[in-house]
Amino acid sequence: MDLSNDAPKAAVVINLGTIDSQRQHHAQVQTPHEFALTIDAVSCSTEIPPRHFREILSRNLAVSRQLQATVIVGDPRQLRSRMSILAEQGIRAIVAQPSSPEAVGSRPLPCGLWKLEPTFWLPQPRRLSGLLPPPRLSVARLMAVGGTHVVVIDASAPNRMSARQLQRIERFLEDLSEVARRKQISICSVNEIVANLAGLREVKPQRSILRVAA
């Protein structure tokens, strides 16, 4: 897919939770999407030997790749010493969590990885309530702003979502599917975003195709 034109693009990522979680998640999402695992501060601690981290990550990816999980959610600063292991395991992108100072802007990382910012994180964290537009308006803003966006659906703690939050997410995905069906927006993959970012960097360094919805 060519992401260099002005037509809006969106990658939908379902966050399954931490890499040491043994729970099974079953997301009922009709929109084309991919899955991600979260690496928290404990999992990437320097107290955990690299070999142990590699074994844990490899084991979890072996299971989650049945769902095609090829994305990591986490803090790129904390993961800096682990990036070579992430790359050897086939990870190409780290999506920054909304709580991370690294969540603003997209940039290249060591070992060929890229840090991507989530344009929308659903459900919205309580600390961001009122600062981000409601999901239904988010689709309209994606359409208006254009560019390429990463939409994260946090399925790591479904029991903590209210019925209202679940309904908003469902409406958001329905709206996104409808505009995609009408070809007003294209659903792409994170790997396609990364490949295009790398290509743009070769031509015009420091230029990002990701835009924050204002």
Foldseek 3Di string as FASTA:
>chain_A
DDQPDQFFEEAEEEEQEALPDPDDDDDPFPPDYAYEHEHELVLLPPVQDLVNSLVSNLVSCVVRCVRPYQEYEEACVSCQVVVCSSVVSRHAEYEYDPVYPVQPDKDAHPPNHIYYHALEEAPDDPVCPPVDDQLVVVVVLSLVVTFYHYYYYYPNCVVPDDPVRVVSVVVNSVVVVVCVVVVSYHYDHPVVLSVVQVVVCVVPNPDHRDDHRD
